[in-house]
N, C-alpha and C. Protein backbone atom coordinates (compact mmCIF):
# COMPACT_ATOMS: atom_id res chain seq x y z
N MET A 1 0.84 -1.18 0.05
CA MET A 1 -0.02 -0.06 0.05
C MET A 1 0.89 1.26 0.03
N GLN A 2 0.53 2.21 -0.79
CA GLN A 2 1.25 3.45 -0.94
C GLN A 2 0.86 4.34 0.18
N ARG A 3 1.87 5.12 0.74
CA ARG A 3 1.57 6.17 1.74
C ARG A 3 0.93 7.39 1.12
N ASN A 4 0.03 7.95 1.74
CA ASN A 4 -0.64 9.18 1.34
C ASN A 4 0.05 10.41 1.80
N THR A 5 0.90 11.06 1.01
CA THR A 5 1.70 12.17 1.31
C THR A 5 0.89 13.51 1.04
N ARG A 6 1.39 14.54 1.60
CA ARG A 6 0.81 15.81 1.35
C ARG A 6 0.87 16.19 -0.12
N GLN A 7 2.00 15.86 -0.74
CA GLN A 7 2.12 16.13 -2.15
C GLN A 7 1.08 15.34 -3.03
N ARG A 8 0.92 14.09 -2.64
CA ARG A 8 -0.03 13.23 -3.36
C ARG A 8 -1.47 13.87 -3.21
N GLU A 9 -1.79 14.37 -2.02
CA GLU A 9 -3.09 14.97 -1.86
C GLU A 9 -3.28 16.21 -2.73
N VAL A 10 -2.22 17.02 -2.84
CA VAL A 10 -2.23 18.18 -3.74
C VAL A 10 -2.51 17.77 -5.13
N ILE A 11 -1.84 16.66 -5.53
CA ILE A 11 -1.99 16.23 -6.89
C ILE A 11 -3.42 15.66 -7.15
N ARG A 12 -3.98 15.00 -6.17
CA ARG A 12 -5.32 14.53 -6.26
C ARG A 12 -6.32 15.71 -6.45
N ARG A 13 -6.15 16.69 -5.65
CA ARG A 13 -6.98 17.83 -5.76
C ARG A 13 -6.81 18.61 -7.05
N ALA A 14 -5.65 18.60 -7.57
CA ALA A 14 -5.40 19.25 -8.94
C ALA A 14 -6.17 18.53 -10.03
N PHE A 15 -6.12 17.21 -10.00
CA PHE A 15 -6.91 16.48 -10.97
C PHE A 15 -8.38 16.69 -10.75
N GLU A 16 -8.88 16.78 -9.53
CA GLU A 16 -10.29 17.03 -9.26
C GLU A 16 -10.71 18.44 -9.78
N ARG A 17 -9.78 19.42 -9.57
CA ARG A 17 -10.09 20.84 -10.01
C ARG A 17 -10.15 20.86 -11.54
N ALA A 18 -9.17 20.15 -12.14
CA ALA A 18 -9.04 20.30 -13.62
C ALA A 18 -10.21 19.56 -14.29
N ALA A 19 -10.68 18.44 -13.72
CA ALA A 19 -11.78 17.61 -14.29
C ALA A 19 -11.61 17.31 -15.72
N ARG A 20 -10.37 16.96 -16.03
CA ARG A 20 -9.89 16.57 -17.42
C ARG A 20 -8.56 15.91 -17.37
N PRO A 21 -8.14 15.19 -18.38
CA PRO A 21 -6.87 14.55 -18.45
C PRO A 21 -5.77 15.61 -18.38
N LEU A 22 -4.63 15.31 -17.73
CA LEU A 22 -3.51 16.21 -17.69
C LEU A 22 -2.17 15.52 -18.05
N SER A 23 -1.27 16.19 -18.62
CA SER A 23 0.03 15.73 -18.81
C SER A 23 0.77 15.96 -17.53
N PRO A 24 1.96 15.30 -17.32
CA PRO A 24 2.78 15.56 -16.13
C PRO A 24 3.10 17.11 -16.00
N GLN A 25 3.48 17.80 -17.06
CA GLN A 25 3.77 19.16 -16.96
C GLN A 25 2.58 20.12 -16.68
N GLN A 26 1.38 19.68 -17.26
CA GLN A 26 0.21 20.45 -16.97
C GLN A 26 -0.22 20.28 -15.47
N LEU A 27 -0.06 19.01 -14.95
CA LEU A 27 -0.31 18.69 -13.63
C LEU A 27 0.62 19.50 -12.65
N LEU A 28 1.79 19.51 -13.00
CA LEU A 28 2.85 20.24 -12.18
C LEU A 28 2.39 21.76 -12.04
N ALA A 29 2.12 22.40 -13.20
CA ALA A 29 1.73 23.79 -13.16
C ALA A 29 0.46 24.06 -12.29
N LEU A 30 -0.51 23.14 -12.39
CA LEU A 30 -1.70 23.26 -11.63
C LEU A 30 -1.50 23.03 -10.10
N ALA A 31 -0.72 21.93 -9.83
CA ALA A 31 -0.45 21.60 -8.49
C ALA A 31 0.42 22.66 -7.73
N GLN A 32 1.33 23.31 -8.51
CA GLN A 32 2.19 24.35 -7.95
C GLN A 32 1.47 25.56 -7.54
N GLN A 33 0.25 25.75 -8.00
CA GLN A 33 -0.56 26.83 -7.45
C GLN A 33 -0.90 26.65 -6.04
N GLU A 34 -0.94 25.45 -5.57
CA GLU A 34 -1.25 25.05 -4.12
C GLU A 34 0.08 24.75 -3.39
N MET A 35 1.03 24.23 -4.08
CA MET A 35 2.33 23.83 -3.42
C MET A 35 3.42 24.30 -4.32
N PRO A 36 3.94 25.54 -4.28
CA PRO A 36 4.95 25.96 -5.23
C PRO A 36 6.27 25.18 -5.16
N SER A 37 6.56 24.54 -4.10
CA SER A 37 7.82 23.81 -4.04
C SER A 37 7.76 22.42 -4.71
N LEU A 38 6.59 21.94 -5.22
CA LEU A 38 6.49 20.72 -5.75
C LEU A 38 7.28 20.59 -7.08
N GLY A 39 8.09 19.49 -7.25
CA GLY A 39 8.88 19.31 -8.41
C GLY A 39 8.33 18.26 -9.27
N LEU A 40 8.94 18.21 -10.56
CA LEU A 40 8.52 17.27 -11.56
C LEU A 40 8.79 15.83 -11.18
N ALA A 41 9.87 15.57 -10.53
CA ALA A 41 10.19 14.21 -9.99
C ALA A 41 9.11 13.72 -9.16
N THR A 42 8.64 14.53 -8.25
CA THR A 42 7.53 14.15 -7.29
C THR A 42 6.25 13.87 -8.06
N VAL A 43 6.01 14.67 -9.05
CA VAL A 43 4.76 14.50 -9.86
C VAL A 43 4.86 13.14 -10.58
N TYR A 44 6.01 12.79 -11.17
CA TYR A 44 6.14 11.50 -11.76
C TYR A 44 6.03 10.32 -10.81
N ARG A 45 6.60 10.46 -9.66
CA ARG A 45 6.51 9.32 -8.61
C ARG A 45 4.97 9.18 -8.18
N SER A 46 4.30 10.34 -8.03
CA SER A 46 2.95 10.31 -7.61
C SER A 46 2.09 9.76 -8.74
N LEU A 47 2.28 10.07 -9.97
CA LEU A 47 1.52 9.57 -11.09
C LEU A 47 1.69 8.07 -11.12
N LYS A 48 2.90 7.56 -10.94
CA LYS A 48 3.09 6.10 -10.90
C LYS A 48 2.37 5.48 -9.75
N ALA A 49 2.46 6.08 -8.55
CA ALA A 49 1.80 5.45 -7.34
C ALA A 49 0.28 5.48 -7.49
N LEU A 50 -0.29 6.59 -7.94
CA LEU A 50 -1.73 6.77 -8.08
C LEU A 50 -2.27 5.82 -9.26
N SER A 51 -1.46 5.55 -10.23
CA SER A 51 -1.82 4.66 -11.25
C SER A 51 -1.83 3.24 -10.76
N GLU A 52 -0.73 2.86 -9.96
CA GLU A 52 -0.71 1.54 -9.45
C GLU A 52 -1.78 1.26 -8.47
N GLU A 53 -2.24 2.21 -7.73
CA GLU A 53 -3.37 2.00 -6.77
C GLU A 53 -4.70 1.99 -7.48
N GLY A 54 -4.72 2.42 -8.69
CA GLY A 54 -6.00 2.41 -9.53
C GLY A 54 -6.74 3.73 -9.44
N TRP A 55 -6.13 4.77 -8.85
CA TRP A 55 -6.88 6.07 -8.80
C TRP A 55 -6.79 6.80 -10.11
N LEU A 56 -5.67 6.60 -10.79
CA LEU A 56 -5.51 7.21 -12.11
C LEU A 56 -5.40 6.15 -13.27
N THR A 57 -5.79 6.64 -14.45
CA THR A 57 -5.55 5.78 -15.62
C THR A 57 -4.88 6.58 -16.69
N THR A 58 -4.20 6.01 -17.58
CA THR A 58 -3.44 6.71 -18.62
C THR A 58 -4.35 6.93 -19.85
N VAL A 59 -4.16 8.05 -20.56
CA VAL A 59 -4.84 8.36 -21.83
C VAL A 59 -3.70 8.43 -22.83
N GLU A 60 -3.77 7.50 -23.72
CA GLU A 60 -2.67 7.39 -24.75
C GLU A 60 -3.33 8.09 -26.02
N LEU A 61 -2.56 9.08 -26.49
CA LEU A 61 -2.94 9.82 -27.67
C LEU A 61 -1.90 9.76 -28.70
N PRO A 62 -2.20 9.33 -29.96
CA PRO A 62 -1.16 9.25 -31.00
C PRO A 62 -0.43 10.64 -31.15
N GLY A 63 0.89 10.61 -31.22
CA GLY A 63 1.64 11.76 -31.34
C GLY A 63 1.79 12.69 -30.28
N SER A 64 1.39 12.30 -29.02
CA SER A 64 1.36 13.20 -27.81
C SER A 64 1.95 12.47 -26.66
N ILE A 65 2.38 13.21 -25.69
CA ILE A 65 2.95 12.62 -24.49
C ILE A 65 1.73 11.98 -23.73
N GLN A 66 2.03 11.12 -22.81
CA GLN A 66 1.01 10.47 -22.04
C GLN A 66 0.29 11.45 -21.07
N HIS A 67 -1.00 11.30 -21.03
CA HIS A 67 -1.81 12.10 -20.13
C HIS A 67 -2.50 11.16 -19.14
N TYR A 68 -2.97 11.67 -18.04
CA TYR A 68 -3.52 10.85 -16.97
C TYR A 68 -4.92 11.52 -16.63
N GLU A 69 -5.80 10.58 -16.17
CA GLU A 69 -7.11 11.08 -15.68
C GLU A 69 -7.63 10.19 -14.57
N ILE A 70 -8.53 10.64 -13.82
CA ILE A 70 -9.09 9.91 -12.72
C ILE A 70 -9.76 8.64 -13.33
N ALA A 71 -9.54 7.54 -12.70
CA ALA A 71 -10.05 6.24 -13.17
C ALA A 71 -11.47 6.07 -12.72
N GLY A 72 -12.13 5.10 -13.35
CA GLY A 72 -13.38 4.69 -12.97
C GLY A 72 -14.58 5.46 -13.64
N GLN A 73 -14.28 6.25 -14.63
CA GLN A 73 -15.30 7.01 -15.29
C GLN A 73 -16.09 6.21 -16.31
N ALA A 74 -17.27 6.66 -16.64
CA ALA A 74 -18.01 6.04 -17.64
C ALA A 74 -17.29 6.13 -19.02
N HIS A 75 -17.62 5.25 -19.95
CA HIS A 75 -16.97 5.25 -21.23
C HIS A 75 -17.12 6.65 -21.83
N HIS A 76 -15.92 7.15 -22.40
CA HIS A 76 -15.89 8.39 -22.99
C HIS A 76 -14.74 8.48 -24.02
N HIS A 77 -14.66 9.55 -24.72
CA HIS A 77 -13.58 9.77 -25.67
C HIS A 77 -12.88 11.05 -25.37
N HIS A 78 -11.97 11.51 -26.30
CA HIS A 78 -11.18 12.66 -26.03
C HIS A 78 -11.12 13.58 -27.13
N PHE A 79 -10.90 14.91 -26.84
CA PHE A 79 -10.63 16.00 -27.70
C PHE A 79 -9.24 16.50 -27.38
N HIS A 80 -8.29 16.59 -28.39
CA HIS A 80 -6.97 16.96 -28.14
C HIS A 80 -6.80 18.39 -28.87
N CYS A 81 -6.45 19.36 -28.09
CA CYS A 81 -6.24 20.72 -28.65
C CYS A 81 -4.79 20.74 -29.21
N ARG A 82 -4.67 21.02 -30.44
CA ARG A 82 -3.34 21.05 -31.11
C ARG A 82 -2.63 22.32 -30.75
N ALA A 83 -3.15 23.36 -30.21
CA ALA A 83 -2.52 24.56 -29.88
C ALA A 83 -1.91 24.47 -28.44
N CYS A 84 -2.77 24.14 -27.42
CA CYS A 84 -2.27 24.20 -26.06
C CYS A 84 -1.98 22.77 -25.53
N ASP A 85 -2.16 21.71 -26.28
CA ASP A 85 -1.90 20.37 -25.92
C ASP A 85 -2.90 19.87 -24.86
N GLY A 86 -4.02 20.68 -24.62
CA GLY A 86 -4.98 20.25 -23.64
C GLY A 86 -5.82 19.04 -24.15
N VAL A 87 -6.19 18.17 -23.23
CA VAL A 87 -7.06 17.02 -23.58
C VAL A 87 -8.32 17.15 -22.72
N PHE A 88 -9.44 16.98 -23.45
CA PHE A 88 -10.71 17.30 -22.81
C PHE A 88 -11.62 16.00 -23.08
N GLU A 89 -12.48 15.69 -22.10
CA GLU A 89 -13.36 14.53 -22.24
C GLU A 89 -14.50 14.82 -23.22
N VAL A 90 -14.90 13.92 -23.93
CA VAL A 90 -16.06 13.93 -24.87
C VAL A 90 -16.90 12.75 -24.46
N HIS A 91 -18.14 12.97 -24.06
CA HIS A 91 -19.01 11.95 -23.62
C HIS A 91 -19.93 11.62 -24.72
N GLY A 92 -20.29 10.40 -24.88
CA GLY A 92 -21.19 9.86 -25.89
C GLY A 92 -20.35 9.15 -27.02
N CYS A 93 -21.06 8.40 -27.76
CA CYS A 93 -20.47 7.67 -28.91
C CYS A 93 -21.35 7.83 -30.14
N PRO A 94 -20.82 7.75 -31.36
CA PRO A 94 -21.58 7.79 -32.53
C PRO A 94 -22.56 6.52 -32.47
N PRO A 95 -23.75 6.67 -32.91
CA PRO A 95 -24.69 5.50 -32.95
C PRO A 95 -24.13 4.44 -33.81
N ARG A 96 -24.36 3.21 -33.43
CA ARG A 96 -24.04 2.00 -34.17
C ARG A 96 -22.60 1.95 -34.74
N ILE A 97 -21.66 2.35 -33.93
CA ILE A 97 -20.32 2.33 -34.28
C ILE A 97 -19.77 0.92 -34.71
N ASP A 98 -20.45 -0.08 -34.14
CA ASP A 98 -20.10 -1.46 -34.48
C ASP A 98 -20.32 -1.74 -36.01
N GLN A 99 -21.09 -0.95 -36.67
CA GLN A 99 -21.35 -1.17 -38.10
C GLN A 99 -20.17 -0.73 -38.93
N LEU A 100 -19.25 -0.04 -38.39
CA LEU A 100 -18.01 0.31 -39.11
C LEU A 100 -17.05 -0.80 -39.20
N THR A 101 -17.16 -1.79 -38.42
CA THR A 101 -16.32 -2.94 -38.38
C THR A 101 -16.51 -3.76 -39.62
N PRO A 102 -15.35 -4.19 -40.25
CA PRO A 102 -15.50 -5.00 -41.49
C PRO A 102 -16.34 -6.22 -41.23
N ARG A 103 -16.91 -6.77 -42.30
CA ARG A 103 -17.80 -8.03 -42.21
C ARG A 103 -17.02 -9.15 -41.58
N GLY A 104 -17.65 -9.81 -40.68
CA GLY A 104 -16.98 -10.98 -40.02
C GLY A 104 -16.07 -10.54 -38.84
N PHE A 105 -15.82 -9.32 -38.58
CA PHE A 105 -15.05 -8.89 -37.48
C PHE A 105 -15.97 -8.66 -36.21
N LYS A 106 -15.32 -8.80 -35.08
CA LYS A 106 -16.07 -8.53 -33.76
C LYS A 106 -15.38 -7.40 -33.06
N LEU A 107 -16.19 -6.30 -32.89
CA LEU A 107 -15.66 -5.10 -32.14
C LEU A 107 -15.61 -5.44 -30.70
N GLU A 108 -14.52 -5.21 -30.03
CA GLU A 108 -14.30 -5.39 -28.61
C GLU A 108 -14.25 -4.11 -27.83
N GLN A 109 -13.58 -3.10 -28.34
CA GLN A 109 -13.51 -1.75 -27.74
C GLN A 109 -13.13 -0.78 -28.83
N HIS A 110 -13.25 0.49 -28.47
CA HIS A 110 -12.88 1.57 -29.39
C HIS A 110 -12.39 2.77 -28.67
N GLU A 111 -11.64 3.65 -29.32
CA GLU A 111 -11.28 4.92 -28.78
C GLU A 111 -11.33 5.96 -29.91
N ILE A 112 -12.04 7.00 -29.63
CA ILE A 112 -12.18 8.09 -30.68
C ILE A 112 -11.43 9.26 -30.09
N VAL A 113 -10.59 9.92 -30.94
CA VAL A 113 -9.84 11.13 -30.50
C VAL A 113 -10.17 12.14 -31.61
N LEU A 114 -10.74 13.26 -31.18
CA LEU A 114 -11.04 14.45 -31.99
C LEU A 114 -9.88 15.44 -31.84
N TYR A 115 -9.44 16.11 -32.89
CA TYR A 115 -8.40 17.02 -32.90
C TYR A 115 -8.88 18.46 -33.37
N GLY A 116 -8.33 19.45 -32.78
CA GLY A 116 -8.70 20.77 -33.24
C GLY A 116 -8.19 21.81 -32.21
N LEU A 117 -9.07 22.86 -32.07
CA LEU A 117 -8.69 23.95 -31.11
C LEU A 117 -9.80 23.93 -30.02
N CYS A 118 -9.28 24.02 -28.73
CA CYS A 118 -10.26 24.12 -27.65
C CYS A 118 -10.93 25.50 -27.71
N ALA A 119 -11.87 25.73 -26.83
CA ALA A 119 -12.60 27.03 -26.88
C ALA A 119 -11.65 28.17 -26.63
N ASP A 120 -10.73 28.07 -25.63
CA ASP A 120 -9.83 29.22 -25.43
C ASP A 120 -8.90 29.45 -26.55
N CYS A 121 -8.34 28.46 -27.10
CA CYS A 121 -7.38 28.65 -28.28
C CYS A 121 -8.11 29.04 -29.50
N SER A 122 -9.36 28.65 -29.70
CA SER A 122 -10.17 29.06 -30.80
C SER A 122 -10.48 30.57 -30.74
N ARG A 123 -10.82 31.05 -29.57
CA ARG A 123 -11.03 32.51 -29.44
C ARG A 123 -9.78 33.31 -29.65
N ALA A 124 -8.64 32.74 -29.21
CA ALA A 124 -7.42 33.47 -29.40
C ALA A 124 -6.86 33.56 -30.87
N ALA A 125 -7.40 32.53 -31.65
CA ALA A 125 -6.87 32.43 -33.03
C ALA A 125 -7.47 33.50 -33.96
């Protein structure tokens, strides 16, 4: 069992405040608002520990660094902002996605990633 450190609690709160997947660097910036002395090595150790205990899960995006999100959520997809590298949750699925599978194939799972500009980056463009 992992020990629950003050740094780990700050990191948990950062994920809860963000309510979206975060990269280690994004997490560091957010958590440092509460604990300025927090370092990147501690963030990586905490991400590993929180993933091992099942509180976090990884979000793998093609062409991007690994992001993390709180585990145990309902099925969802992701939107990746190409300008700020933000990752946002997209709830819902296209209807009858299983019909996209080639004849004779059996769909077991899927992941849809949308790419573009988030609301903030879109306004700034």
